Amino acid sequence: QVQLVESGGGLVQAGESLRLSCAASGFTFSSSAMSWYRQAPGKERELVATITSTGGNTIYTDSVKGRFTISRDNARNTVYLQMNILKPEDTAVYFCMASTVFGGYWGQGTQVTVSS
């Protein structure tokens, strides 16, 4: 079955960095676009970044442009989110999402907390 396992979250201070990873299995990773979403307390889940199946194209929500970088390693079936210059407003649960031919699949999420 499809599995997406996020890791790398934690508690950091403003201005610091974190790198999230999402290990995928159970589907053809190299054919699937991958995305990172986040959900802050009391807010709707929002798209943070998306990367195409080959990694040739990426998109970012405006609030993270220039600070976050999404990347993937198709040999390792893993997608990453490098988060730099973190801000308190980046505090949220971060979810990995796979867009497959059978539909979308979600990971369980990893908590990122940024203190001021």
Protein backbone atom coordinates (compact mmCIF):
# COMPACT_ATOMS: atom_id res chain seq x y z
CA GLN A 1 0.00 0.00 0.00
CA VAL A 2 1.02 3.62 -0.37
CA GLN A 3 3.11 4.94 2.50
CA LEU A 4 4.47 8.42 3.02
CA VAL A 5 6.57 8.93 6.13
CA GLU A 6 7.68 12.44 7.04
CA SER A 7 10.57 13.23 9.34
CA GLY A 8 12.80 16.11 10.31
CA GLY A 9 10.40 18.35 12.17
CA GLY A 10 11.22 19.90 15.51
CA LEU A 11 11.50 23.02 17.62
CA VAL A 12 13.82 25.76 16.38
CA GLN A 13 14.34 29.46 16.92
CA ALA A 14 13.46 32.10 14.38
CA GLY A 15 16.12 32.41 11.71
CA GLU A 16 17.23 28.81 11.95
CA SER A 17 16.80 26.02 9.42
CA LEU A 18 15.21 22.60 9.18
CA ARG A 19 15.15 19.95 6.49
CA LEU A 20 12.06 17.79 6.17
CA SER A 21 12.12 14.42 4.43
CA CYS A 22 9.30 12.26 3.11
CA ALA A 23 10.07 8.63 2.32
CA ALA A 24 7.62 7.13 -0.16
CA SER A 25 6.68 3.57 -1.04
CA GLY A 26 3.87 1.59 -2.65
CA PHE A 27 3.58 3.58 -5.88
CA THR A 28 5.71 4.73 -8.79
CA PHE A 29 7.44 7.65 -7.11
CA SER A 30 9.34 8.76 -10.21
CA SER A 31 6.07 9.29 -12.08
CA SER A 32 4.35 11.30 -9.39
CA ALA A 33 4.37 14.98 -8.56
CA MET A 34 5.03 15.57 -4.87
CA SER A 35 3.94 18.39 -2.63
CA TRP A 36 4.40 19.72 0.87
CA TYR A 37 1.40 21.21 2.66
CA ARG A 38 1.13 22.67 6.13
CA GLN A 39 -1.64 23.27 8.61
CA ALA A 40 -1.38 25.69 11.50
CA PRO A 41 -3.72 25.49 14.51
CA GLY A 42 -7.13 26.87 13.62
CA LYS A 43 -6.23 27.33 9.97
CA GLU A 44 -6.89 25.43 6.77
CA ARG A 45 -4.26 23.23 5.22
CA GLU A 46 -2.27 25.18 2.64
CA LEU A 47 0.03 24.22 -0.20
CA VAL A 48 3.66 25.11 0.51
CA ALA A 49 5.51 23.72 -2.51
CA THR A 50 5.17 21.27 -5.38
CA ILE A 51 7.76 19.52 -7.52
CA THR A 52 7.09 17.69 -10.77
CA SER A 53 7.93 14.03 -11.24
CA THR A 54 11.32 14.72 -12.82
CA GLY A 55 12.11 17.62 -10.53
CA GLY A 56 12.28 19.97 -13.47
CA ASN A 57 9.66 22.37 -12.20
CA THR A 58 8.75 23.67 -8.77
CA ILE A 59 6.18 26.08 -7.39
CA TYR A 60 6.00 27.79 -4.01
CA THR A 61 3.47 29.73 -2.07
CA ASP A 62 4.47 33.39 -1.88
CA SER A 63 5.19 33.38 1.84
CA VAL A 64 8.04 30.86 1.51
CA LYS A 65 9.62 31.95 -1.78
CA GLY A 66 13.32 32.53 -1.36
CA ARG A 67 13.42 30.68 1.98
CA PHE A 68 12.18 27.14 1.23
CA THR A 69 13.42 24.71 -1.40
CA ILE A 70 11.65 21.53 -2.46
CA SER A 71 13.73 18.77 -4.04
CA ARG A 72 13.53 15.06 -4.70
CA ASP A 73 15.72 12.01 -5.13
CA ASN A 74 13.95 9.53 -7.36
CA ALA A 75 16.60 6.89 -6.67
CA ARG A 76 15.75 7.07 -2.95
CA ASN A 77 11.98 7.65 -3.37
CA THR A 78 12.30 10.68 -1.14
CA VAL A 79 11.17 14.29 -1.34
CA TYR A 80 12.71 17.03 0.77
CA LEU A 81 11.81 20.49 1.99
CA GLN A 82 14.74 22.65 3.01
CA MET A 83 13.44 25.47 5.19
CA ASN A 84 15.72 28.41 5.89
CA ILE A 85 15.22 31.66 7.79
CA LEU A 86 12.29 30.14 9.62
CA LYS A 87 9.69 32.46 11.12
CA PRO A 88 7.17 31.90 13.92
CA GLU A 89 4.41 32.00 11.31
CA ASP A 90 5.91 28.88 9.72
CA THR A 91 4.80 26.91 12.78
CA ALA A 92 2.51 24.13 11.59
CA VAL A 93 2.19 20.44 10.94
CA TYR A 94 3.83 19.74 7.60
CA PHE A 95 2.39 17.03 5.36
CA CYS A 96 3.80 15.27 2.35
CA MET A 97 1.35 14.59 -0.49
CA ALA A 98 1.75 12.35 -3.54
CA SER A 99 -0.23 12.97 -6.71
CA THR A 100 -0.48 9.55 -8.31
CA VAL A 101 -2.49 8.13 -11.18
CA PHE A 102 -4.75 6.59 -8.55
CA GLY A 103 -5.27 9.83 -6.68
CA GLY A 104 -3.69 11.79 -3.87
CA TYR A 105 -2.10 10.26 -0.79
CA TRP A 106 -1.01 11.92 2.44
CA GLY A 107 1.57 11.29 5.09
CA GLN A 108 0.87 11.57 8.79
CA GLY A 109 2.63 14.91 9.17
CA THR A 110 5.55 16.25 11.15
CA GLN A 111 5.40 19.16 13.58
CA VAL A 112 7.50 22.25 12.99
CA THR A 113 7.56 24.84 15.76
CA VAL A 114 9.45 28.10 15.41
CA SER A 115 9.94 30.20 18.53
CA SER A 116 10.51 33.94 18.41
